[in-house]
Amino acid sequence: MQRRSFVLAAAAGAATLAAPWVHAQQQTLRIIVGFPPGGGTDALARVIGQKLTEMWKTAVVIENKAGAAGVIAADYVSKQPPDGNTLLMAHINSHGISPGLQPNMPYNAERDFTPIALVGVTPNLLICNDAQAKSVKGIVEACKRNPGKISFGSAGIGSSQHLTCELFKLRAGVDALHVPYKGSGPMLVDLIAGQINYSFDTMTAATPHVKGGKVIALAQTRTKRSKAYPNVPTMEEQGFPGFEATTWYGLVGPGKLPAATVKRINDDVNRIMAMPDVMAKMEQYGAEDGGGSAEKFGEFMHNERIKWAKVVKEAKVTPEG
């Protein structure tokens, strides 16, 4: 009888550690993405989702809930049960910028989510079509000669591209024109056509056009060069010490997700990030430095919120532009 009690207790402990997969037959596991299919967030979520499906022997589906720069999807996940069956591919917009930009957020980015694992960090690329100035120094000089007239496109107000532009303006002490679009797609069309001068676009969106020769990469916005762009200098190398403005992605769950579930998912994601085929795909998207502990990812997001809230305040950015 005593041995039977021990076996049952051990089985219960294993079920707790394996949650939520013990109920995989009854419930689909989902990773929610706050952007349409085809973008960087969606692409990385599908890489992770496919591998988790293979590891867990149950379907992990990607569900897109686009809108409000990822806030709609984040709000949805924040209200789901903390059983591990619904996760969010968090993004700099939903968990780094929006908390400091929008005063009436429907969720608390720290309290209502449980950090699980950083998936990847990419620089933004300073790109142009055939603008006159093709160096950061030249752009600064052009902005000073023509205050408020040199244009920088973005994927929308409050996007990573927008806030990187604002950080540049603050650091350079210049006045430039921000032109928001509804996504990188239409912005790139106008940039290629010469309707706007520059953009600090995401590496994922810009790379096909750089490789196709339609736009020129002038700088990247991490303090170290990306493996995907070894010949493109950083903003730091061009006179802006410590200039770091990234687009990043990571898995989070609803608040109060059990520690055992967090550890199991974190361990599995770290195993996935070390797989050669996954490493190759991450390099293709320019995503680096993924993996690590849940605690490290939580600290990273906390610091990003502080950083971008400061930029929002100093640049006087509002949700209306």
Foldseek 3Di string as FASTA:
>chain_A
DVVVVVVVVVVVVVPVLPFPLVCLVPAAAEEEEAADPPFPLNVLVVLLQVLVCVVSVHHYYYHYNYDDQSLVRVLVQLPDDLRNRYKYWDKCQNQFFVVLFPPDRSDDSQAWKFFFWWRFKFWFFKKAAPDPDQALVSVLVVQVVPPADAEEEDLAARDLFVLLVLVSCVQSVGHYHYDYHNGPVVVVVCRLVVVHGIIRGTLQSCVVCCVVNSMPTAETFACDDFPLCNPHHHVCVRPRPPRHRIMTIGMMGTGPNDPSNSVVSLVSSQVSCPDPVNVVVCSVSSTDDIGDGSVVVSVVSVVSNVVNSVSCVVSVGHNVD
